[in-house]
Amino acid sequence: MKTIFILTIIILQTVSYSQNDKPCSAPEASQFDFWVGEWNAEWDGENGAIGTGTNTITKIIGSCAVQENFSTSDQTFIGTSLSVYSPARKMWLQTWVDNMGSYLDFTGGMEGDKMILSRKAKDKDGNNILQRMVFYNITKDNFDWNWEASKDDGKNWELKWKIKYKRKVS
């Protein structure tokens, strides 16, 4: 009897796996496809200077994860992120790390024609804040990205950094 039970479990797991042999095929798992590629980035820097950088985005691990590799042109700021769509949670999850010692974790997804990922954090004085990144004005070869913070639980957002992205021409 024990053998039959074990065989039944093995068969059920095999059938379950074969029915889900494309675990990242949910339509939502392609919502970040607009981001995949090589990008030039430009923003307003200090004292009227223009800041520039690059961002290379690839799908990895059987196209289940999106990897970002960002750097400023002078290499003073370098970071990477991994993003994955979680069907169980029905949202995107992203983890960012950089050469400034940051570790940031975000959740979110598409809201209309914008991709919005947000997180709870503390400001330098220990107060609760919200932070978010917003991808918008998305076309095949361009998009805008905002880094924003809110001190009032999302009622008002303060722009901290705006980047204009343009796809690199091959």
C-alpha atoms as a PDB file:
ATOM      1  CA  MET A   1       0.000   0.000   0.000  1.00  0.00           C
ATOM      2  CA  LYS A   2       2.838   2.376   0.873  1.00  0.00           C
ATOM      3  CA  THR A   3       4.486   1.683  -2.513  1.00  0.00           C
ATOM      4  CA  ILE A   4       1.258   2.492  -4.386  1.00  0.00           C
ATOM      5  CA  PHE A   5       0.939   5.761  -2.460  1.00  0.00           C
ATOM      6  CA  ILE A   6       4.529   6.778  -3.269  1.00  0.00           C
ATOM      7  CA  LEU A   7       4.092   5.889  -6.955  1.00  0.00           C
ATOM      8  CA  THR A   8       0.868   7.913  -7.076  1.00  0.00           C
ATOM      9  CA  ILE A   9       2.664  10.959  -5.622  1.00  0.00           C
ATOM     10  CA  ILE A  10       5.517  10.617  -8.140  1.00  0.00           C
ATOM     11  CA  ILE A  11       3.071  10.327 -11.057  1.00  0.00           C
ATOM     12  CA  LEU A  12       1.053  13.329  -9.871  1.00  0.00           C
ATOM     13  CA  GLN A  13       4.215  15.424  -9.528  1.00  0.00           C
ATOM     14  CA  THR A  14       5.348  14.395 -13.012  1.00  0.00           C
ATOM     15  CA  VAL A  15       1.962  15.256 -14.525  1.00  0.00           C
ATOM     16  CA  SER A  16       1.892  18.540 -12.625  1.00  0.00           C
ATOM     17  CA  TYR A  17       5.401  19.429 -13.835  1.00  0.00           C
ATOM     18  CA  SER A  18       4.655  18.523 -17.446  1.00  0.00           C
ATOM     19  CA  GLN A  19       1.552  20.711 -17.408  1.00  0.00           C
ATOM     20  CA  ASN A  20       3.687  23.602 -16.192  1.00  0.00           C
ATOM     21  CA  ASP A  21       6.833  23.066 -18.244  1.00  0.00           C
ATOM     22  CA  LYS A  22       6.760  26.780 -19.177  1.00  0.00           C
ATOM     23  CA  PRO A  23       6.466  28.324 -15.725  1.00  0.00           C
ATOM     24  CA  CYS A  24       7.116  31.875 -16.916  1.00  0.00           C
ATOM     25  CA  SER A  25       4.593  31.920 -19.740  1.00  0.00           C
ATOM     26  CA  ALA A  26       1.889  33.946 -17.969  1.00  0.00           C
ATOM     27  CA  PRO A  27       1.048  37.045 -20.053  1.00  0.00           C
ATOM     28  CA  GLU A  28       2.178  39.275 -17.174  1.00  0.00           C
ATOM     29  CA  ALA A  29       5.661  37.726 -17.337  1.00  0.00           C
ATOM     30  CA  SER A  30       6.243  39.652 -20.582  1.00  0.00           C
ATOM     31  CA  GLN A  31       5.246  43.075 -19.212  1.00  0.00           C
ATOM     32  CA  PHE A  32       8.904  44.107 -18.869  1.00  0.00           C
ATOM     33  CA  ASP A  33       9.803  43.027 -22.417  1.00  0.00           C
ATOM     34  CA  PHE A  34       9.789  46.697 -23.511  1.00  0.00           C
ATOM     35  CA  TRP A  35      12.825  47.174 -21.268  1.00  0.00           C
ATOM     36  CA  VAL A  36      14.972  44.389 -22.738  1.00  0.00           C
ATOM     37  CA  GLY A  37      17.905  45.730 -24.764  1.00  0.00           C
ATOM     38  CA  GLU A  38      20.724  48.234 -24.542  1.00  0.00           C
ATOM     39  CA  TRP A  39      19.890  51.789 -23.531  1.00  0.00           C
ATOM     40  CA  ASN A  40      21.533  55.193 -23.314  1.00  0.00           C
ATOM     41  CA  ALA A  41      20.362  57.168 -20.290  1.00  0.00           C
ATOM     42  CA  GLU A  42      20.359  60.942 -19.818  1.00  0.00           C
ATOM     43  CA  TRP A  43      19.281  63.168 -16.921  1.00  0.00           C
ATOM     44  CA  ASP A  44      19.734  66.653 -15.517  1.00  0.00           C
ATOM     45  CA  GLY A  45      22.874  66.581 -13.392  1.00  0.00           C
ATOM     46  CA  GLU A  46      24.333  69.002 -10.905  1.00  0.00           C
ATOM     47  CA  ASN A  47      25.009  72.642 -11.841  1.00  0.00           C
ATOM     48  CA  GLY A  48      23.207  72.326 -15.177  1.00  0.00           C
ATOM     49  CA  ALA A  49      25.379  69.452 -16.398  1.00  0.00           C
ATOM     50  CA  ILE A  50      23.819  66.542 -18.250  1.00  0.00           C
ATOM     51  CA  GLY A  51      24.325  63.161 -16.608  1.00  0.00           C
ATOM     52  CA  THR A  52      24.700  60.128 -18.843  1.00  0.00           C
ATOM     53  CA  GLY A  53      24.915  56.394 -18.470  1.00  0.00           C
ATOM     54  CA  THR A  54      23.991  53.066 -19.959  1.00  0.00           C
ATOM     55  CA  ASN A  55      21.621  50.303 -18.970  1.00  0.00           C
ATOM     56  CA  THR A  56      21.673  46.790 -20.403  1.00  0.00           C
ATOM     57  CA  ILE A  57      18.611  44.645 -19.782  1.00  0.00           C
ATOM     58  CA  THR A  58      18.480  40.912 -20.533  1.00  0.00           C
ATOM     59  CA  LYS A  59      16.105  38.059 -19.865  1.00  0.00           C
ATOM     60  CA  ILE A  60      17.874  35.233 -18.045  1.00  0.00           C
ATOM     61  CA  ILE A  61      17.153  31.898 -16.381  1.00  0.00           C
ATOM     62  CA  GLY A  62      14.916  30.567 -19.147  1.00  0.00           C
ATOM     63  CA  SER A  63      13.404  34.043 -19.640  1.00  0.00           C
ATOM     64  CA  CYS A  64      11.957  33.867 -16.112  1.00  0.00           C
ATOM     65  CA  ALA A  65      13.985  36.805 -14.779  1.00  0.00           C
ATOM     66  CA  VAL A  66      14.939  40.233 -16.095  1.00  0.00           C
ATOM     67  CA  GLN A  67      18.461  41.394 -15.244  1.00  0.00           C
ATOM     68  CA  GLU A  68      19.483  45.051 -15.311  1.00  0.00           C
ATOM     69  CA  ASN A  69      23.058  46.371 -15.409  1.00  0.00           C
ATOM     70  CA  PHE A  70      23.206  50.157 -14.979  1.00  0.00           C
ATOM     71  CA  SER A  71      26.237  52.434 -14.842  1.00  0.00           C
ATOM     72  CA  THR A  72      26.927  56.118 -15.119  1.00  0.00           C
ATOM     73  CA  SER A  73      29.336  57.048 -17.897  1.00  0.00           C
ATOM     74  CA  ASP A  74      32.072  57.842 -15.377  1.00  0.00           C
ATOM     75  CA  GLN A  75      31.441  54.542 -13.536  1.00  0.00           C
ATOM     76  CA  THR A  76      30.842  56.332 -10.203  1.00  0.00           C
ATOM     77  CA  PHE A  77      27.431  54.693  -9.825  1.00  0.00           C
ATOM     78  CA  ILE A  78      26.959  51.056 -10.838  1.00  0.00           C
ATOM     79  CA  GLY A  79      24.041  48.826  -9.988  1.00  0.00           C
ATOM     80  CA  THR A  80      22.179  45.717 -10.963  1.00  0.00           C
ATOM     81  CA  SER A  81      18.673  44.435 -10.448  1.00  0.00           C
ATOM     82  CA  LEU A  82      16.779  41.198 -10.878  1.00  0.00           C
ATOM     83  CA  SER A  83      13.055  41.283 -11.585  1.00  0.00           C
ATOM     84  CA  VAL A  84      10.641  38.375 -11.733  1.00  0.00           C
ATOM     85  CA  TYR A  85       6.871  38.072 -12.112  1.00  0.00           C
ATOM     86  CA  SER A  86       5.280  36.039  -9.322  1.00  0.00           C
ATOM     87  CA  PRO A  87       2.043  34.371 -10.489  1.00  0.00           C
ATOM     88  CA  ALA A  88       1.293  33.380  -6.883  1.00  0.00           C
ATOM     89  CA  ARG A  89       1.454  37.012  -5.719  1.00  0.00           C
ATOM     90  CA  LYS A  90       0.214  38.447  -9.038  1.00  0.00           C
ATOM     91  CA  MET A  91       2.942  41.088  -9.054  1.00  0.00           C
ATOM     92  CA  TRP A  92       6.483  41.861 -10.086  1.00  0.00           C
ATOM     93  CA  LEU A  93       9.290  41.591  -7.528  1.00  0.00           C
ATOM     94  CA  GLN A  94      12.583  43.427  -8.004  1.00  0.00           C
ATOM     95  CA  THR A  95      15.800  43.508  -6.002  1.00  0.00           C
ATOM     96  CA  TRP A  96      18.373  46.247  -6.649  1.00  0.00           C
ATOM     97  CA  VAL A  97      21.970  46.387  -5.356  1.00  0.00           C
ATOM     98  CA  ASP A  98      24.689  48.925  -6.162  1.00  0.00           C
ATOM     99  CA  ASN A  99      28.218  50.092  -5.430  1.00  0.00           C
ATOM    100  CA  MET A 100      26.910  52.521  -2.788  1.00  0.00           C
ATOM    101  CA  GLY A 101      25.884  49.581  -0.593  1.00  0.00           C
ATOM    102  CA  SER A 102      22.188  49.853  -1.378  1.00  0.00           C
ATOM    103  CA  TYR A 103      19.841  46.898  -1.244  1.00  0.00           C
ATOM    104  CA  LEU A 104      16.312  47.826  -2.316  1.00  0.00           C
ATOM    105  CA  ASP A 105      13.337  45.538  -2.818  1.00  0.00           C
ATOM    106  CA  PHE A 106      10.279  46.528  -4.823  1.00  0.00           C
ATOM    107  CA  THR A 107       6.888  45.128  -5.759  1.00  0.00           C
ATOM    108  CA  GLY A 108       4.374  46.283  -8.328  1.00  0.00           C
ATOM    109  CA  GLY A 109       3.273  45.951 -11.901  1.00  0.00           C
ATOM    110  CA  MET A 110       1.560  47.596 -14.822  1.00  0.00           C
ATOM    111  CA  GLU A 111      -0.923  50.332 -13.952  1.00  0.00           C
ATOM    112  CA  GLY A 112      -2.499  51.369 -17.224  1.00  0.00           C
ATOM    113  CA  ASP A 113       0.391  52.214 -19.541  1.00  0.00           C
ATOM    114  CA  LYS A 114       2.935  52.655 -16.725  1.00  0.00           C
ATOM    115  CA  MET A 115       5.098  50.121 -14.924  1.00  0.00           C
ATOM    116  CA  ILE A 116       5.226  51.109 -11.257  1.00  0.00           C
ATOM    117  CA  LEU A 117       7.345  49.378  -8.621  1.00  0.00           C
ATOM    118  CA  SER A 118       7.332  50.663  -5.047  1.00  0.00           C
ATOM    119  CA  ARG A 119       8.654  49.973  -1.574  1.00  0.00           C
ATOM    120  CA  LYS A 120       8.362  51.096   2.032  1.00  0.00           C
ATOM    121  CA  ALA A 121      11.507  52.660   3.465  1.00  0.00           C
ATOM    122  CA  LYS A 122      12.852  55.045   6.099  1.00  0.00           C
ATOM    123  CA  ASP A 123      14.317  58.454   5.354  1.00  0.00           C
ATOM    124  CA  LYS A 124      17.626  59.616   6.865  1.00  0.00           C
ATOM    125  CA  ASP A 125      15.753  60.753  10.013  1.00  0.00           C
ATOM    126  CA  GLY A 126      14.016  57.394  10.484  1.00  0.00           C
ATOM    127  CA  ASN A 127      10.596  58.520   9.228  1.00  0.00           C
ATOM    128  CA  ASN A 128       8.454  56.132   7.191  1.00  0.00           C
ATOM    129  CA  ILE A 129       8.359  56.957   3.488  1.00  0.00           C
ATOM    130  CA  LEU A 130       7.338  55.307   0.247  1.00  0.00           C
ATOM    131  CA  GLN A 131       9.654  55.136  -2.743  1.00  0.00           C
ATOM    132  CA  ARG A 132       8.727  54.181  -6.252  1.00  0.00           C
ATOM    133  CA  MET A 133      10.037  53.990  -9.768  1.00  0.00           C
ATOM    134  CA  VAL A 134       7.728  54.760 -12.653  1.00  0.00           C
ATOM    135  CA  PHE A 135       8.396  53.689 -16.250  1.00  0.00           C
ATOM    136  CA  TYR A 136       6.176  55.719 -18.614  1.00  0.00           C
ATOM    137  CA  ASN A 137       5.914  57.222 -22.118  1.00  0.00           C
ATOM    138  CA  ILE A 138       6.953  53.750 -23.221  1.00  0.00           C
ATOM    139  CA  THR A 139       7.620  53.227 -26.928  1.00  0.00           C
ATOM    140  CA  LYS A 140       9.766  50.714 -28.791  1.00  0.00           C
ATOM    141  CA  ASP A 141      12.873  52.912 -28.611  1.00  0.00           C
ATOM    142  CA  ASN A 142      12.267  55.343 -25.728  1.00  0.00           C
ATOM    143  CA  PHE A 143      10.797  55.652 -22.272  1.00  0.00           C
ATOM    144  CA  ASP A 144      10.982  57.919 -19.247  1.00  0.00           C
ATOM    145  CA  TRP A 145      11.791  56.738 -15.723  1.00  0.00           C
ATOM    146  CA  ASN A 146      11.109  58.587 -12.478  1.00  0.00           C
ATOM    147  CA  TRP A 147      12.424  57.896  -8.990  1.00  0.00           C
ATOM    148  CA  GLU A 148       9.940  59.377  -6.517  1.00  0.00           C
ATOM    149  CA  ALA A 149       9.356  59.534  -2.759  1.00  0.00           C
ATOM    150  CA  SER A 150       6.288  60.194  -0.630  1.00  0.00           C
ATOM    151  CA  LYS A 151       6.194  61.288   3.012  1.00  0.00           C
ATOM    152  CA  ASP A 152       2.385  61.096   3.250  1.00  0.00           C
ATOM    153  CA  ASP A 153       1.665  57.466   2.348  1.00  0.00           C
ATOM    154  CA  GLY A 154       1.416  58.103  -1.385  1.00  0.00           C
ATOM    155  CA  LYS A 155      -0.901  61.118  -1.427  1.00  0.00           C
ATOM    156  CA  ASN A 156       1.870  63.302  -2.878  1.00  0.00           C
ATOM    157  CA  TRP A 157       5.052  62.274  -4.680  1.00  0.00           C
ATOM    158  CA  GLU A 158       8.304  64.220  -4.921  1.00  0.00           C
ATOM    159  CA  LEU A 159      10.444  63.683  -8.008  1.00  0.00           C
ATOM    160  CA  LYS A 160      13.997  62.739  -6.997  1.00  0.00           C
ATOM    161  CA  TRP A 161      15.508  61.646 -10.325  1.00  0.00           C
ATOM    162  CA  LYS A 162      14.188  61.609 -13.885  1.00  0.00           C
ATOM    163  CA  ILE A 163      15.971  59.633 -16.587  1.00  0.00           C
ATOM    164  CA  LYS A 164      15.217  59.667 -20.310  1.00  0.00           C
ATOM    165  CA  TYR A 165      16.078  56.377 -21.976  1.00  0.00           C
ATOM    166  CA  LYS A 166      16.830  55.923 -25.666  1.00  0.00           C
ATOM    167  CA  ARG A 167      17.520  52.508 -27.173  1.00  0.00           C
ATOM    168  CA  LYS A 168      21.060  52.117 -28.532  1.00  0.00           C
ATOM    169  CA  VAL A 169      21.213  51.747 -32.295  1.00  0.00           C
ATOM    170  CA  SER A 170      23.034  48.575 -33.359  1.00  0.00           C
END
